[in-house]
Amino acid sequence: MTEAKTAVEWLASVAPHPEVCRWEWDHSPLGVTLLPAGRLWDVLILPGELGIATLDVLTRVIDQPGPVLVDFGDARTGFFVPPGTAARWLGTGVRAAGLGTWIVVPCPGRSTGGTRWLVPPDGSGTLTDPALLELAMHEAAAALASGEGL
């Protein structure tokens, strides 16, 4: 099974009706579907510039962070983290999507005009450690505040 197919199955497994999820990915003009957070993953959503800088820090520290989404115009970046993280997150300026929330998710392995994967899921269930994400955010925020490039 290819990585993209495995990722599709992993993501679709959280949908109330996985077959409908796959149908929407195949037939939606935008190539996206809504999926519920809080089952296999939560999503921490950072403002665009901070999110991109945080991903840069993370990729220098670890080989493979969990899946990362970016929305239209790179205004927001969403990091997939373990379920339950959203309920405990206290960070200012960071939105948390957990149990009871839904997010727009593009099909892995396909290009869309809006929301897209910066780090696509690999289907293994790899998620970003929230403590490591928080440390990376602090480093990224400090660099942005000082005007230093990452």
C-alpha atoms as a PDB file:
ATOM      1  CA  MET A   1       0.000   0.000   0.000  1.00  0.00           C
ATOM      2  CA  THR A   2       1.405   3.419  -0.909  1.00  0.00           C
ATOM      3  CA  GLU A   3       2.066   6.048   1.748  1.00  0.00           C
ATOM      4  CA  ALA A   4      -0.683   8.332   0.364  1.00  0.00           C
ATOM      5  CA  LYS A   5      -3.228   5.494   0.350  1.00  0.00           C
ATOM      6  CA  THR A   6      -2.273   4.526   3.907  1.00  0.00           C
ATOM      7  CA  ALA A   7      -2.603   8.187   4.944  1.00  0.00           C
ATOM      8  CA  VAL A   8      -6.037   8.400   3.299  1.00  0.00           C
ATOM      9  CA  GLU A   9      -7.200   5.336   5.223  1.00  0.00           C
ATOM     10  CA  TRP A  10      -5.776   6.678   8.509  1.00  0.00           C
ATOM     11  CA  LEU A  11      -7.471  10.062   8.108  1.00  0.00           C
ATOM     12  CA  ALA A  12     -10.760   8.617   6.831  1.00  0.00           C
ATOM     13  CA  SER A  13     -10.933   6.251   9.811  1.00  0.00           C
ATOM     14  CA  VAL A  14     -12.026   9.153  12.055  1.00  0.00           C
ATOM     15  CA  ALA A  15     -14.942  10.118   9.809  1.00  0.00           C
ATOM     16  CA  PRO A  16     -18.431   9.028  10.855  1.00  0.00           C
ATOM     17  CA  HIS A  17     -18.688   7.428   7.395  1.00  0.00           C
ATOM     18  CA  PRO A  18     -15.218   6.800   5.931  1.00  0.00           C
ATOM     19  CA  GLU A  19     -16.606   5.932   2.504  1.00  0.00           C
ATOM     20  CA  VAL A  20     -18.316   9.351   2.325  1.00  0.00           C
ATOM     21  CA  CYS A  21     -15.041  11.005   3.301  1.00  0.00           C
ATOM     22  CA  ARG A  22     -13.206   9.251   0.485  1.00  0.00           C
ATOM     23  CA  TRP A  23     -16.023  10.106  -1.953  1.00  0.00           C
ATOM     24  CA  GLU A  24     -15.781  13.813  -0.995  1.00  0.00           C
ATOM     25  CA  TRP A  25     -12.029  13.796  -1.593  1.00  0.00           C
ATOM     26  CA  ASP A  26     -12.569  12.257  -5.010  1.00  0.00           C
ATOM     27  CA  HIS A  27     -15.512  14.436  -6.098  1.00  0.00           C
ATOM     28  CA  SER A  28     -15.245  17.769  -4.269  1.00  0.00           C
ATOM     29  CA  PRO A  29     -14.016  20.553  -6.556  1.00  0.00           C
ATOM     30  CA  LEU A  30     -11.706  21.713  -3.734  1.00  0.00           C
ATOM     31  CA  GLY A  31     -10.447  18.210  -2.882  1.00  0.00           C
ATOM     32  CA  VAL A  32     -11.210  18.631   0.833  1.00  0.00           C
ATOM     33  CA  THR A  33     -13.525  17.178   3.453  1.00  0.00           C
ATOM     34  CA  LEU A  34     -14.410  17.959   7.062  1.00  0.00           C
ATOM     35  CA  LEU A  35     -13.040  15.567   9.667  1.00  0.00           C
ATOM     36  CA  PRO A  36     -13.656  15.482  13.413  1.00  0.00           C
ATOM     37  CA  ALA A  37     -10.725  16.247  15.659  1.00  0.00           C
ATOM     38  CA  GLY A  38     -10.314  14.605  19.041  1.00  0.00           C
ATOM     39  CA  ARG A  39     -10.395  10.937  18.090  1.00  0.00           C
ATOM     40  CA  LEU A  40      -6.938  10.078  16.713  1.00  0.00           C
ATOM     41  CA  TRP A  41      -5.541  13.600  16.822  1.00  0.00           C
ATOM     42  CA  ASP A  42      -6.137  17.192  17.865  1.00  0.00           C
ATOM     43  CA  VAL A  43      -4.887  20.169  15.892  1.00  0.00           C
ATOM     44  CA  LEU A  44      -3.088  23.214  17.305  1.00  0.00           C
ATOM     45  CA  ILE A  45      -3.530  26.151  14.922  1.00  0.00           C
ATOM     46  CA  LEU A  46      -0.884  28.871  14.919  1.00  0.00           C
ATOM     47  CA  PRO A  47      -0.932  32.219  13.122  1.00  0.00           C
ATOM     48  CA  GLY A  48       0.793  31.904   9.725  1.00  0.00           C
ATOM     49  CA  GLU A  49       4.197  33.501  10.260  1.00  0.00           C
ATOM     50  CA  LEU A  50       4.650  31.903  13.676  1.00  0.00           C
ATOM     51  CA  GLY A  51       3.416  28.552  12.362  1.00  0.00           C
ATOM     52  CA  ILE A  52       5.836  28.493   9.440  1.00  0.00           C
ATOM     53  CA  ALA A  53       8.738  29.564  11.680  1.00  0.00           C
ATOM     54  CA  THR A  54       7.775  26.908  14.247  1.00  0.00           C
ATOM     55  CA  LEU A  55       7.768  24.212  11.571  1.00  0.00           C
ATOM     56  CA  ASP A  56      11.231  25.377  10.508  1.00  0.00           C
ATOM     57  CA  VAL A  57      12.502  24.983  14.086  1.00  0.00           C
ATOM     58  CA  LEU A  58      10.825  21.583  14.445  1.00  0.00           C
ATOM     59  CA  THR A  59      12.331  20.191  11.264  1.00  0.00           C
ATOM     60  CA  ARG A  60      15.783  21.148  12.485  1.00  0.00           C
ATOM     61  CA  VAL A  61      15.195  19.245  15.739  1.00  0.00           C
ATOM     62  CA  ILE A  62      13.349  16.106  14.617  1.00  0.00           C
ATOM     63  CA  ASP A  63      13.354  14.119  11.395  1.00  0.00           C
ATOM     64  CA  GLN A  64       9.605  13.796  10.985  1.00  0.00           C
ATOM     65  CA  PRO A  65       7.027  15.928  12.793  1.00  0.00           C
ATOM     66  CA  GLY A  66       3.416  14.867  12.643  1.00  0.00           C
ATOM     67  CA  PRO A  67       1.157  16.112   9.861  1.00  0.00           C
ATOM     68  CA  VAL A  68       1.022  19.885   9.330  1.00  0.00           C
ATOM     69  CA  LEU A  69      -1.629  21.781   7.357  1.00  0.00           C
ATOM     70  CA  VAL A  70      -1.588  25.332   6.067  1.00  0.00           C
ATOM     71  CA  ASP A  71      -4.684  27.200   4.941  1.00  0.00           C
ATOM     72  CA  PHE A  72      -5.467  29.672   2.163  1.00  0.00           C
ATOM     73  CA  GLY A  73      -2.817  32.362   1.942  1.00  0.00           C
ATOM     74  CA  ASP A  74      -0.699  30.675   4.628  1.00  0.00           C
ATOM     75  CA  ALA A  75      -2.679  32.581   7.286  1.00  0.00           C
ATOM     76  CA  ARG A  76      -2.830  29.633   9.705  1.00  0.00           C
ATOM     77  CA  THR A  77      -0.755  26.505  10.246  1.00  0.00           C
ATOM     78  CA  GLY A  78      -2.226  23.414  11.931  1.00  0.00           C
ATOM     79  CA  PHE A  79      -0.060  20.875  13.750  1.00  0.00           C
ATOM     80  CA  PHE A  80      -1.526  17.421  14.415  1.00  0.00           C
ATOM     81  CA  VAL A  81      -0.916  16.486  18.056  1.00  0.00           C
ATOM     82  CA  PRO A  82      -2.171  13.673  20.334  1.00  0.00           C
ATOM     83  CA  PRO A  83      -5.870  13.659  21.239  1.00  0.00           C
ATOM     84  CA  GLY A  84      -6.629  15.490  24.470  1.00  0.00           C
ATOM     85  CA  THR A  85      -3.992  18.173  23.825  1.00  0.00           C
ATOM     86  CA  ALA A  86      -6.632  20.767  22.872  1.00  0.00           C
ATOM     87  CA  ALA A  87      -8.406  20.399  26.229  1.00  0.00           C
ATOM     88  CA  ARG A  88      -5.153  21.089  28.124  1.00  0.00           C
ATOM     89  CA  TRP A  89      -3.606  23.749  25.871  1.00  0.00           C
ATOM     90  CA  LEU A  90      -3.099  27.149  27.495  1.00  0.00           C
ATOM     91  CA  GLY A  91      -1.030  28.976  24.865  1.00  0.00           C
ATOM     92  CA  THR A  92      -2.155  32.492  23.985  1.00  0.00           C
ATOM     93  CA  GLY A  93      -2.924  33.133  20.324  1.00  0.00           C
ATOM     94  CA  VAL A  94      -3.062  29.422  19.490  1.00  0.00           C
ATOM     95  CA  ARG A  95      -6.387  27.866  18.573  1.00  0.00           C
ATOM     96  CA  ALA A  96      -6.990  24.287  19.616  1.00  0.00           C
ATOM     97  CA  ALA A  97      -9.268  21.903  17.714  1.00  0.00           C
ATOM     98  CA  GLY A  98     -10.176  18.884  19.794  1.00  0.00           C
ATOM     99  CA  LEU A  99     -13.180  16.747  20.602  1.00  0.00           C
ATOM    100  CA  GLY A 100     -16.339  18.343  19.222  1.00  0.00           C
ATOM    101  CA  THR A 101     -14.599  20.362  16.499  1.00  0.00           C
ATOM    102  CA  TRP A 102     -14.148  19.706  12.802  1.00  0.00           C
ATOM    103  CA  ILE A 103     -11.353  20.750  10.479  1.00  0.00           C
ATOM    104  CA  VAL A 104     -10.967  21.049   6.717  1.00  0.00           C
ATOM    105  CA  VAL A 105      -8.615  18.322   5.499  1.00  0.00           C
ATOM    106  CA  PRO A 106      -7.273  17.931   1.954  1.00  0.00           C
ATOM    107  CA  CYS A 107      -6.656  14.509   0.498  1.00  0.00           C
ATOM    108  CA  PRO A 108      -3.060  13.377   1.047  1.00  0.00           C
ATOM    109  CA  GLY A 109      -1.080  13.065  -2.144  1.00  0.00           C
ATOM    110  CA  ARG A 110      -3.241  15.483  -4.112  1.00  0.00           C
ATOM    111  CA  SER A 111      -2.756  19.152  -4.828  1.00  0.00           C
ATOM    112  CA  THR A 112      -5.497  21.605  -3.865  1.00  0.00           C
ATOM    113  CA  GLY A 113      -5.833  25.308  -4.441  1.00  0.00           C
ATOM    114  CA  GLY A 114      -6.275  26.220  -0.780  1.00  0.00           C
ATOM    115  CA  THR A 115      -5.661  24.171   2.319  1.00  0.00           C
ATOM    116  CA  ARG A 116      -2.660  21.933   1.747  1.00  0.00           C
ATOM    117  CA  TRP A 117      -0.209  19.685   3.549  1.00  0.00           C
ATOM    118  CA  LEU A 118       3.180  21.096   4.515  1.00  0.00           C
ATOM    119  CA  VAL A 119       3.957  17.757   6.138  1.00  0.00           C
ATOM    120  CA  PRO A 120       1.547  15.126   4.854  1.00  0.00           C
ATOM    121  CA  PRO A 121       0.469  12.268   7.092  1.00  0.00           C
ATOM    122  CA  ASP A 122       2.293   9.021   6.405  1.00  0.00           C
ATOM    123  CA  GLY A 123      -0.505   6.801   7.690  1.00  0.00           C
ATOM    124  CA  SER A 124       1.527   5.525  10.645  1.00  0.00           C
ATOM    125  CA  GLY A 125      -0.175   7.801  13.167  1.00  0.00           C
ATOM    126  CA  THR A 126       2.911   9.935  13.799  1.00  0.00           C
ATOM    127  CA  LEU A 127       1.930  13.104  15.684  1.00  0.00           C
ATOM    128  CA  THR A 128       3.921  16.068  16.948  1.00  0.00           C
ATOM    129  CA  ASP A 129       4.759  16.015  20.644  1.00  0.00           C
ATOM    130  CA  PRO A 130       2.996  19.065  22.168  1.00  0.00           C
ATOM    131  CA  ALA A 131       5.873  19.822  24.570  1.00  0.00           C
ATOM    132  CA  LEU A 132       8.344  19.841  21.686  1.00  0.00           C
ATOM    133  CA  LEU A 133       5.934  21.972  19.644  1.00  0.00           C
ATOM    134  CA  GLU A 134       5.701  24.476  22.492  1.00  0.00           C
ATOM    135  CA  LEU A 135       9.487  24.749  22.771  1.00  0.00           C
ATOM    136  CA  ALA A 136       9.754  25.220  18.997  1.00  0.00           C
ATOM    137  CA  MET A 137       7.083  27.945  19.155  1.00  0.00           C
ATOM    138  CA  HIS A 138       9.008  29.799  21.851  1.00  0.00           C
ATOM    139  CA  GLU A 139      12.215  29.662  19.826  1.00  0.00           C
ATOM    140  CA  ALA A 140      10.381  30.752  16.665  1.00  0.00           C
ATOM    141  CA  ALA A 141       8.568  33.590  18.467  1.00  0.00           C
ATOM    142  CA  ALA A 142      11.823  34.846  19.986  1.00  0.00           C
ATOM    143  CA  ALA A 143      13.530  34.834  16.584  1.00  0.00           C
ATOM    144  CA  LEU A 144      10.601  36.642  14.952  1.00  0.00           C
ATOM    145  CA  ALA A 145      10.452  39.234  17.763  1.00  0.00           C
ATOM    146  CA  SER A 146      14.162  39.969  17.485  1.00  0.00           C
ATOM    147  CA  GLY A 147      13.989  40.250  13.707  1.00  0.00           C
ATOM    148  CA  GLU A 148      16.433  37.360  13.250  1.00  0.00           C
ATOM    149  CA  GLY A 149      15.928  34.950  10.439  1.00  0.00           C
ATOM    150  CA  LEU A 150      15.526  31.297  11.232  1.00  0.00           C
END
